[in-house]
Amino acid sequence: MIYEYKVIPAPRRGKRGSAMKGPAGRFAFAVETTINELATDGWEFVRAETLGAEEREGLMRKRTETFHGVLVFKRASTAAENSAPQISTPKIMTQPKVSQPSSHVAEAEPQKLEPTPLSAPKKVTPEIKNDPLPLMPKTSSRVSKRKASELTEVQEEASLKDQEDK
């Protein structure tokens, strides 16, 4: 059988009740009330646990380990039973009997599939703008403006050659 579990934080404070005296009695009444509330919904109490957790506290978000009390409950899972895979015995497959075609049944001719010709992929070339400014390096104090202008002329010649090749 498959179970589903529910974990809730244990009560931190006691509840006042009839004939409950002292802090221990009030705390026991709070735990009892919590267990009985979940029992009416079909949850079965399993155990109480104290678990450690690493948390960040304070202004500097320093990591500290804290402990929390939790109550663990379980119940039979109805959704899991419906979605559980059904195991069945394997069936032995036999070949079906092939009957001889009768003379009054016309046999279908197999269809011939013609292959479709494939076209060559289109060549994709990026468009280059005729603006030499993005290709021109940044001029600094070491690079003269004359060298920069010579570089621009070389780039223009290269772009003209590319256009002639097309």
N, C-alpha and C. Protein backbone atom coordinates (compact mmCIF):
# COMPACT_ATOMS: atom_id res chain seq x y z
N MET A 1 0.85 -1.17 0.00
CA MET A 1 0.00 0.00 0.00
C MET A 1 0.90 1.24 0.00
N ILE A 2 0.48 2.24 -0.71
CA ILE A 2 1.24 3.48 -0.81
C ILE A 2 0.59 4.51 0.10
N TYR A 3 1.45 5.22 0.84
CA TYR A 3 0.97 6.24 1.77
C TYR A 3 1.40 7.62 1.31
N GLU A 4 0.64 8.61 1.70
CA GLU A 4 1.07 9.99 1.56
C GLU A 4 1.28 10.52 2.97
N TYR A 5 2.28 11.37 3.12
CA TYR A 5 2.67 11.87 4.43
C TYR A 5 2.44 13.37 4.53
N LYS A 6 2.20 13.81 5.76
CA LYS A 6 2.02 15.23 6.04
C LYS A 6 2.85 15.55 7.28
N VAL A 7 3.67 16.59 7.17
CA VAL A 7 4.51 17.00 8.28
C VAL A 7 4.13 18.44 8.63
N ILE A 8 3.77 18.66 9.89
CA ILE A 8 3.38 19.99 10.34
C ILE A 8 4.23 20.39 11.53
N PRO A 9 4.41 21.68 11.76
CA PRO A 9 5.19 22.08 12.93
C PRO A 9 4.42 21.76 14.22
N ALA A 10 5.15 21.30 15.20
CA ALA A 10 4.53 21.00 16.49
C ALA A 10 4.14 22.31 17.17
N PRO A 11 3.10 22.29 17.98
CA PRO A 11 2.71 23.52 18.68
C PRO A 11 3.83 23.99 19.61
N ARG A 12 4.02 25.31 19.68
CA ARG A 12 5.06 25.87 20.55
C ARG A 12 4.49 26.31 21.89
N ARG A 13 3.21 26.59 21.93
CA ARG A 13 2.57 27.05 23.16
C ARG A 13 1.44 26.11 23.52
N GLY A 14 1.15 26.04 24.79
CA GLY A 14 0.04 25.22 25.26
C GLY A 14 -1.29 25.91 25.07
N LYS A 15 -2.37 25.12 25.11
CA LYS A 15 -3.73 25.65 25.03
C LYS A 15 -4.41 25.40 26.37
N ARG A 16 -5.24 26.33 26.72
CA ARG A 16 -5.99 26.17 27.96
C ARG A 16 -7.16 25.22 27.70
N GLY A 17 -7.33 24.33 28.62
CA GLY A 17 -8.45 23.39 28.52
C GLY A 17 -8.97 23.08 29.90
N SER A 18 -10.07 22.35 29.94
CA SER A 18 -10.63 22.01 31.24
C SER A 18 -9.74 20.99 31.95
N ALA A 19 -9.49 21.20 33.18
CA ALA A 19 -8.69 20.33 34.06
C ALA A 19 -7.23 20.23 33.63
N MET A 20 -6.76 21.19 32.83
CA MET A 20 -5.34 21.22 32.44
C MET A 20 -4.64 22.20 33.37
N LYS A 21 -3.70 21.68 34.13
CA LYS A 21 -2.99 22.53 35.06
C LYS A 21 -1.51 22.51 34.74
N GLY A 22 -0.89 23.64 34.81
CA GLY A 22 0.55 23.77 34.61
C GLY A 22 0.91 23.83 33.14
N PRO A 23 2.15 24.27 32.87
CA PRO A 23 2.59 24.41 31.48
C PRO A 23 2.65 23.07 30.73
N ALA A 24 3.07 22.00 31.40
CA ALA A 24 3.17 20.70 30.73
C ALA A 24 1.80 20.19 30.32
N GLY A 25 0.80 20.36 31.17
CA GLY A 25 -0.56 19.92 30.86
C GLY A 25 -1.15 20.70 29.69
N ARG A 26 -0.92 22.02 29.67
CA ARG A 26 -1.44 22.85 28.56
C ARG A 26 -0.77 22.47 27.24
N PHE A 27 0.56 22.20 27.30
CA PHE A 27 1.26 21.80 26.07
C PHE A 27 0.75 20.46 25.57
N ALA A 28 0.55 19.49 26.47
CA ALA A 28 0.03 18.18 26.08
C ALA A 28 -1.35 18.32 25.46
N PHE A 29 -2.19 19.22 25.99
CA PHE A 29 -3.52 19.44 25.44
C PHE A 29 -3.43 20.03 24.03
N ALA A 30 -2.47 20.93 23.78
CA ALA A 30 -2.29 21.51 22.44
C ALA A 30 -1.89 20.45 21.43
N VAL A 31 -0.96 19.55 21.80
CA VAL A 31 -0.54 18.47 20.90
C VAL A 31 -1.70 17.51 20.65
N GLU A 32 -2.44 17.17 21.70
CA GLU A 32 -3.58 16.26 21.57
C GLU A 32 -4.64 16.85 20.65
N THR A 33 -4.92 18.13 20.77
CA THR A 33 -5.91 18.79 19.93
C THR A 33 -5.49 18.77 18.46
N THR A 34 -4.21 19.03 18.21
CA THR A 34 -3.70 19.01 16.83
C THR A 34 -3.81 17.62 16.22
N ILE A 35 -3.44 16.60 16.96
CA ILE A 35 -3.51 15.22 16.46
C ILE A 35 -4.96 14.83 16.18
N ASN A 36 -5.87 15.18 17.07
CA ASN A 36 -7.28 14.83 16.88
C ASN A 36 -7.91 15.57 15.70
N GLU A 37 -7.49 16.81 15.45
CA GLU A 37 -8.02 17.56 14.30
C GLU A 37 -7.63 16.89 12.99
N LEU A 38 -6.39 16.45 12.88
CA LEU A 38 -5.95 15.79 11.65
C LEU A 38 -6.51 14.37 11.54
N ALA A 39 -6.79 13.71 12.68
CA ALA A 39 -7.36 12.36 12.65
C ALA A 39 -8.76 12.38 12.05
N THR A 40 -9.51 13.48 12.28
CA THR A 40 -10.85 13.56 11.69
C THR A 40 -10.80 13.67 10.17
N ASP A 41 -9.65 14.14 9.63
CA ASP A 41 -9.48 14.23 8.17
C ASP A 41 -8.89 12.96 7.58
N GLY A 42 -8.68 11.92 8.41
CA GLY A 42 -8.16 10.64 7.91
C GLY A 42 -6.66 10.47 8.06
N TRP A 43 -5.99 11.39 8.75
CA TRP A 43 -4.55 11.29 8.93
C TRP A 43 -4.24 10.50 10.19
N GLU A 44 -3.30 9.57 10.10
CA GLU A 44 -2.87 8.76 11.23
C GLU A 44 -1.55 9.31 11.75
N PHE A 45 -1.48 9.55 13.08
CA PHE A 45 -0.27 10.08 13.68
C PHE A 45 0.82 9.01 13.64
N VAL A 46 2.04 9.38 13.16
CA VAL A 46 3.14 8.44 13.08
C VAL A 46 4.13 8.70 14.21
N ARG A 47 4.66 9.92 14.30
CA ARG A 47 5.63 10.24 15.35
C ARG A 47 5.90 11.73 15.39
N ALA A 48 6.58 12.14 16.44
CA ALA A 48 7.06 13.51 16.59
C ALA A 48 8.57 13.49 16.42
N GLU A 49 9.10 14.44 15.67
CA GLU A 49 10.54 14.50 15.38
C GLU A 49 11.08 15.88 15.73
N THR A 50 12.36 15.93 16.05
CA THR A 50 13.08 17.18 16.19
C THR A 50 14.15 17.18 15.12
N LEU A 51 14.06 18.12 14.19
CA LEU A 51 14.98 18.17 13.05
C LEU A 51 15.78 19.46 13.08
N GLY A 52 17.05 19.35 12.72
CA GLY A 52 17.91 20.52 12.64
C GLY A 52 17.86 21.14 11.27
N ALA A 53 17.96 22.46 11.23
CA ALA A 53 17.94 23.18 9.96
C ALA A 53 18.94 24.33 10.05
N GLU A 54 19.61 24.61 8.94
CA GLU A 54 20.55 25.73 8.89
C GLU A 54 19.80 26.96 8.39
N GLU A 55 19.83 28.01 9.18
CA GLU A 55 19.11 29.24 8.82
C GLU A 55 20.05 30.43 8.94
N ARG A 56 19.68 31.51 8.29
CA ARG A 56 20.43 32.76 8.39
C ARG A 56 19.66 33.71 9.30
N GLU A 57 20.38 34.27 10.24
CA GLU A 57 19.74 35.16 11.19
C GLU A 57 20.53 36.45 11.33
N GLY A 58 19.84 37.48 11.72
CA GLY A 58 20.50 38.73 12.08
C GLY A 58 20.81 39.61 10.88
N LEU A 59 21.43 40.74 11.21
CA LEU A 59 21.75 41.74 10.21
C LEU A 59 22.82 41.25 9.24
N MET A 60 23.80 40.52 9.73
CA MET A 60 24.89 40.03 8.89
C MET A 60 24.55 38.70 8.22
N ARG A 61 23.33 38.20 8.46
CA ARG A 61 22.86 36.95 7.86
C ARG A 61 23.78 35.78 8.19
N LYS A 62 24.20 35.71 9.45
CA LYS A 62 25.09 34.65 9.91
C LYS A 62 24.32 33.32 9.94
N ARG A 63 24.97 32.26 9.51
CA ARG A 63 24.34 30.94 9.49
C ARG A 63 24.37 30.34 10.89
N THR A 64 23.21 29.87 11.32
CA THR A 64 23.12 29.18 12.59
C THR A 64 22.25 27.95 12.43
N GLU A 65 22.48 26.96 13.25
CA GLU A 65 21.68 25.75 13.19
C GLU A 65 20.59 25.85 14.25
N THR A 66 19.35 25.68 13.82
CA THR A 66 18.22 25.70 14.73
C THR A 66 17.49 24.37 14.65
N PHE A 67 16.72 24.05 15.68
CA PHE A 67 15.99 22.79 15.73
C PHE A 67 14.50 23.08 15.78
N HIS A 68 13.72 22.30 15.02
CA HIS A 68 12.28 22.47 14.94
C HIS A 68 11.61 21.16 15.29
N GLY A 69 10.53 21.26 16.06
CA GLY A 69 9.73 20.09 16.38
C GLY A 69 8.62 19.96 15.35
N VAL A 70 8.45 18.77 14.79
CA VAL A 70 7.42 18.52 13.79
C VAL A 70 6.63 17.28 14.16
N LEU A 71 5.40 17.22 13.67
CA LEU A 71 4.54 16.05 13.84
C LEU A 71 4.33 15.41 12.48
N VAL A 72 4.49 14.09 12.40
CA VAL A 72 4.40 13.37 11.13
C VAL A 72 3.11 12.55 11.13
N PHE A 73 2.34 12.67 10.04
CA PHE A 73 1.09 11.94 9.86
C PHE A 73 1.14 11.21 8.53
N LYS A 74 0.32 10.13 8.42
CA LYS A 74 0.23 9.41 7.14
C LYS A 74 -1.20 8.97 6.93
N ARG A 75 -1.53 8.71 5.64
CA ARG A 75 -2.80 8.11 5.28
C ARG A 75 -2.63 7.38 3.96
N ALA A 76 -3.51 6.43 3.71
CA ALA A 76 -3.45 5.66 2.47
C ALA A 76 -3.75 6.59 1.31
N SER A 77 -2.94 6.49 0.29
CA SER A 77 -3.09 7.37 -0.87
C SER A 77 -4.07 6.76 -1.85
N THR A 78 -5.16 7.47 -2.11
CA THR A 78 -6.13 6.98 -3.09
C THR A 78 -5.70 7.34 -4.50
N ALA A 79 -5.03 8.46 -4.67
CA ALA A 79 -4.57 8.87 -6.00
C ALA A 79 -3.47 7.96 -6.49
N ALA A 80 -2.62 7.51 -5.58
CA ALA A 80 -1.51 6.64 -5.97
C ALA A 80 -2.01 5.27 -6.40
N GLU A 81 -3.09 4.79 -5.75
CA GLU A 81 -3.62 3.48 -6.14
C GLU A 81 -4.21 3.53 -7.54
N ASN A 82 -4.85 4.65 -7.87
CA ASN A 82 -5.45 4.78 -9.20
C ASN A 82 -4.40 4.94 -10.28
N SER A 83 -3.28 5.60 -9.96
CA SER A 83 -2.27 5.86 -10.98
C SER A 83 -1.15 4.82 -10.97
N ALA A 84 -1.21 3.85 -10.05
CA ALA A 84 -0.16 2.83 -9.99
C ALA A 84 -0.24 1.95 -11.23
N PRO A 85 0.90 1.59 -11.78
CA PRO A 85 0.87 0.75 -12.98
C PRO A 85 0.33 -0.63 -12.66
N GLN A 86 -0.52 -1.12 -13.50
CA GLN A 86 -1.10 -2.45 -13.33
C GLN A 86 -0.16 -3.47 -13.98
N ILE A 87 0.21 -4.48 -13.22
CA ILE A 87 1.10 -5.52 -13.73
C ILE A 87 0.23 -6.67 -14.20
N SER A 88 0.38 -7.02 -15.45
CA SER A 88 -0.41 -8.10 -16.00
C SER A 88 0.52 -9.17 -16.54
N THR A 89 -0.01 -10.34 -16.70
CA THR A 89 0.80 -11.43 -17.24
C THR A 89 0.99 -11.21 -18.73
N PRO A 90 2.19 -11.51 -19.23
CA PRO A 90 2.43 -11.30 -20.66
C PRO A 90 1.61 -12.28 -21.50
N LYS A 91 1.15 -11.78 -22.62
CA LYS A 91 0.37 -12.61 -23.53
C LYS A 91 1.29 -13.13 -24.62
N ILE A 92 1.08 -14.37 -24.99
CA ILE A 92 1.88 -14.97 -26.04
C ILE A 92 1.26 -14.58 -27.37
N MET A 93 2.08 -13.98 -28.20
CA MET A 93 1.60 -13.51 -29.50
C MET A 93 1.75 -14.64 -30.51
N THR A 94 0.72 -14.89 -31.24
CA THR A 94 0.77 -15.88 -32.30
C THR A 94 0.54 -15.17 -33.62
N GLN A 95 1.06 -15.76 -34.67
CA GLN A 95 0.87 -15.15 -35.98
C GLN A 95 -0.55 -15.42 -36.44
N PRO A 96 -1.18 -14.39 -37.01
CA PRO A 96 -2.55 -14.61 -37.49
C PRO A 96 -2.54 -15.53 -38.70
N LYS A 97 -3.62 -16.22 -38.85
CA LYS A 97 -3.75 -17.10 -40.00
C LYS A 97 -3.96 -16.27 -41.25
N VAL A 98 -3.20 -16.62 -42.27
CA VAL A 98 -3.33 -15.91 -43.54
C VAL A 98 -4.19 -16.76 -44.45
N SER A 99 -5.29 -16.20 -44.82
CA SER A 99 -6.18 -16.95 -45.69
C SER A 99 -5.84 -16.64 -47.15
N GLN A 100 -6.12 -17.55 -47.99
CA GLN A 100 -5.88 -17.37 -49.40
C GLN A 100 -6.88 -16.36 -49.95
N PRO A 101 -6.42 -15.41 -50.78
CA PRO A 101 -7.37 -14.44 -51.33
C PRO A 101 -8.37 -15.15 -52.24
N SER A 102 -9.59 -14.79 -52.03
CA SER A 102 -10.62 -15.40 -52.87
C SER A 102 -10.61 -14.72 -54.23
N SER A 103 -11.19 -15.36 -55.19
CA SER A 103 -11.15 -14.87 -56.56
C SER A 103 -12.00 -13.62 -56.76
N HIS A 104 -12.98 -13.40 -55.90
CA HIS A 104 -13.84 -12.24 -56.10
C HIS A 104 -13.31 -10.97 -55.42
N VAL A 105 -12.22 -11.08 -54.67
CA VAL A 105 -11.64 -9.92 -54.02
C VAL A 105 -10.50 -9.41 -54.89
N ALA A 106 -10.55 -8.15 -55.26
CA ALA A 106 -9.50 -7.59 -56.10
C ALA A 106 -8.31 -7.21 -55.23
N GLU A 107 -7.13 -7.55 -55.73
CA GLU A 107 -5.92 -7.21 -54.99
C GLU A 107 -5.52 -5.78 -55.33
N ALA A 108 -5.12 -5.05 -54.30
CA ALA A 108 -4.70 -3.66 -54.51
C ALA A 108 -3.26 -3.65 -54.98
N GLU A 109 -2.99 -2.79 -55.95
CA GLU A 109 -1.62 -2.69 -56.45
C GLU A 109 -0.83 -1.79 -55.51
N PRO A 110 0.43 -2.15 -55.27
CA PRO A 110 1.23 -1.31 -54.39
C PRO A 110 1.49 0.05 -55.05
N GLN A 111 1.46 1.08 -54.25
CA GLN A 111 1.69 2.42 -54.76
C GLN A 111 3.18 2.68 -54.84
N LYS A 112 3.58 3.33 -55.92
CA LYS A 112 4.97 3.69 -56.09
C LYS A 112 5.14 5.14 -55.66
N LEU A 113 6.10 5.36 -54.80
CA LEU A 113 6.35 6.70 -54.32
C LEU A 113 7.53 7.29 -55.09
N GLU A 114 7.31 8.46 -55.62
CA GLU A 114 8.35 9.15 -56.37
C GLU A 114 9.14 10.04 -55.42
N PRO A 115 10.47 9.96 -55.48
CA PRO A 115 11.25 10.85 -54.61
C PRO A 115 11.18 12.28 -55.13
N THR A 116 11.09 13.22 -54.22
CA THR A 116 11.05 14.63 -54.62
C THR A 116 12.47 15.15 -54.69
N PRO A 117 12.78 15.91 -55.75
CA PRO A 117 14.16 16.41 -55.88
C PRO A 117 14.45 17.45 -54.79
N LEU A 118 15.66 17.37 -54.29
CA LEU A 118 16.09 18.32 -53.27
C LEU A 118 16.75 19.50 -53.96
N SER A 119 16.49 20.66 -53.44
CA SER A 119 17.14 21.85 -54.00
C SER A 119 18.36 22.17 -53.15
N ALA A 120 19.31 22.81 -53.78
CA ALA A 120 20.54 23.18 -53.08
C ALA A 120 20.21 24.26 -52.04
N PRO A 121 20.88 24.21 -50.90
CA PRO A 121 20.61 25.23 -49.89
C PRO A 121 21.03 26.61 -50.38
N LYS A 122 20.27 27.59 -50.01
CA LYS A 122 20.57 28.96 -50.42
C LYS A 122 21.75 29.47 -49.61
N LYS A 123 22.62 30.20 -50.30
CA LYS A 123 23.78 30.76 -49.64
C LYS A 123 23.38 32.07 -48.98
N VAL A 124 23.64 32.14 -47.71
CA VAL A 124 23.27 33.32 -46.94
C VAL A 124 24.54 34.12 -46.69
N THR A 125 24.54 35.34 -47.15
CA THR A 125 25.70 36.21 -46.92
C THR A 125 25.23 37.42 -46.15
N PRO A 126 26.00 37.84 -45.18
CA PRO A 126 25.59 39.02 -44.42
C PRO A 126 25.78 40.27 -45.28
N GLU A 127 24.85 41.19 -45.08
CA GLU A 127 24.95 42.44 -45.82
C GLU A 127 25.97 43.34 -45.14
N ILE A 128 26.88 43.88 -45.96
CA ILE A 128 27.92 44.76 -45.44
C ILE A 128 27.58 46.18 -45.87
N LYS A 129 27.54 47.05 -44.92
CA LYS A 129 27.26 48.44 -45.23
C LYS A 129 28.52 49.09 -45.78
N ASN A 130 28.35 50.09 -46.62
CA ASN A 130 29.49 50.79 -47.20
C ASN A 130 30.06 51.85 -46.28
N ASP A 131 29.66 51.82 -45.03
CA ASP A 131 30.14 52.81 -44.07
C ASP A 131 31.45 52.32 -43.47
N PRO A 132 32.60 52.98 -43.77
CA PRO A 132 33.89 52.49 -43.27
C PRO A 132 34.12 52.86 -41.80
N LEU A 133 33.30 53.69 -41.21
CA LEU A 133 33.56 54.13 -39.84
C LEU A 133 33.53 53.01 -38.81
N PRO A 134 32.61 52.06 -38.87
CA PRO A 134 32.65 51.01 -37.87
C PRO A 134 33.89 50.14 -37.99
N LEU A 135 34.46 50.03 -39.18
CA LEU A 135 35.64 49.19 -39.38
C LEU A 135 36.94 49.92 -39.06
N MET A 136 36.88 51.24 -38.95
CA MET A 136 38.08 52.02 -38.73
C MET A 136 38.49 51.94 -37.26
N PRO A 137 39.76 51.67 -36.99
CA PRO A 137 40.19 51.57 -35.59
C PRO A 137 40.17 52.94 -34.93
N LYS A 138 40.10 52.90 -33.61
CA LYS A 138 40.14 54.14 -32.86
C LYS A 138 41.55 54.72 -32.96
N THR A 139 41.62 56.01 -33.22
CA THR A 139 42.93 56.64 -33.33
C THR A 139 43.37 57.10 -31.96
N SER A 140 44.61 56.82 -31.67
CA SER A 140 45.16 57.27 -30.39
C SER A 140 46.31 58.21 -30.69
N SER A 141 46.99 58.60 -29.66
CA SER A 141 48.09 59.54 -29.87
C SER A 141 49.23 58.90 -30.66
N ARG A 142 49.32 57.55 -30.64
CA ARG A 142 50.41 56.88 -31.35
C ARG A 142 50.09 56.67 -32.83
N VAL A 143 48.82 56.64 -33.19
CA VAL A 143 48.45 56.39 -34.59
C VAL A 143 48.14 57.74 -35.23
N SER A 144 48.81 57.98 -36.31
CA SER A 144 48.59 59.28 -36.96
C SER A 144 47.32 59.23 -37.79
N LYS A 145 46.78 60.38 -38.09
CA LYS A 145 45.57 60.46 -38.89
C LYS A 145 45.84 60.02 -40.31
N ARG A 146 47.09 60.17 -40.78
CA ARG A 146 47.43 59.74 -42.12
C ARG A 146 47.30 58.23 -42.24
N LYS A 147 47.78 57.49 -41.24
CA LYS A 147 47.67 56.04 -41.29
C LYS A 147 46.20 55.61 -41.24
N ALA A 148 45.40 56.32 -40.47
CA ALA A 148 43.98 56.00 -40.39
C ALA A 148 43.30 56.24 -41.74
N SER A 149 43.66 57.31 -42.44
CA SER A 149 43.05 57.58 -43.73
C SER A 149 43.52 56.55 -44.77
N GLU A 150 44.79 56.11 -44.67
CA GLU A 150 45.27 55.06 -45.57
C GLU A 150 44.50 53.76 -45.35
N LEU A 151 44.21 53.47 -44.10
CA LEU A 151 43.46 52.26 -43.78
C LEU A 151 42.05 52.35 -44.35
N THR A 152 41.44 53.51 -44.29
CA THR A 152 40.11 53.71 -44.85
C THR A 152 40.13 53.49 -46.36
N GLU A 153 41.18 53.98 -47.05
CA GLU A 153 41.27 53.78 -48.49
C GLU A 153 41.40 52.30 -48.83
N VAL A 154 42.20 51.56 -48.05
CA VAL A 154 42.37 50.13 -48.29
C VAL A 154 41.03 49.41 -48.10
N GLN A 155 40.26 49.79 -47.09
CA GLN A 155 38.96 49.17 -46.86
C GLN A 155 37.99 49.47 -47.99
N GLU A 156 38.04 50.68 -48.52
CA GLU A 156 37.16 51.04 -49.63
C GLU A 156 37.51 50.24 -50.87
N GLU A 157 38.84 50.04 -51.13
CA GLU A 157 39.27 49.24 -52.27
C GLU A 157 38.80 47.80 -52.13
N ALA A 158 38.88 47.28 -50.92
CA ALA A 158 38.46 45.90 -50.70
C ALA A 158 36.96 45.76 -50.93
N SER A 159 36.18 46.71 -50.50
CA SER A 159 34.74 46.63 -50.70
C SER A 159 34.38 46.76 -52.17
N LEU A 160 35.14 47.57 -52.95
CA LEU A 160 34.91 47.68 -54.39
C LEU A 160 35.21 46.36 -55.08
N LYS A 161 36.29 45.67 -54.66
CA LYS A 161 36.64 44.38 -55.25
C LYS A 161 35.54 43.36 -54.98
N ASP A 162 34.99 43.40 -53.75
CA ASP A 162 33.92 42.46 -53.39
C ASP A 162 32.70 42.70 -54.26
N GLN A 163 32.39 43.97 -54.54
CA GLN A 163 31.23 44.29 -55.36
C GLN A 163 31.46 43.85 -56.81
N GLU A 164 32.70 43.97 -57.30
CA GLU A 164 32.98 43.52 -58.67
C GLU A 164 32.90 42.02 -58.79
N ASP A 165 33.30 41.29 -57.72
CA ASP A 165 33.25 39.85 -57.76
C ASP A 165 31.82 39.32 -57.82
N LYS A 166 30.90 40.07 -57.29
CA LYS A 166 29.48 39.64 -57.30
C LYS A 166 28.96 39.84 -58.68
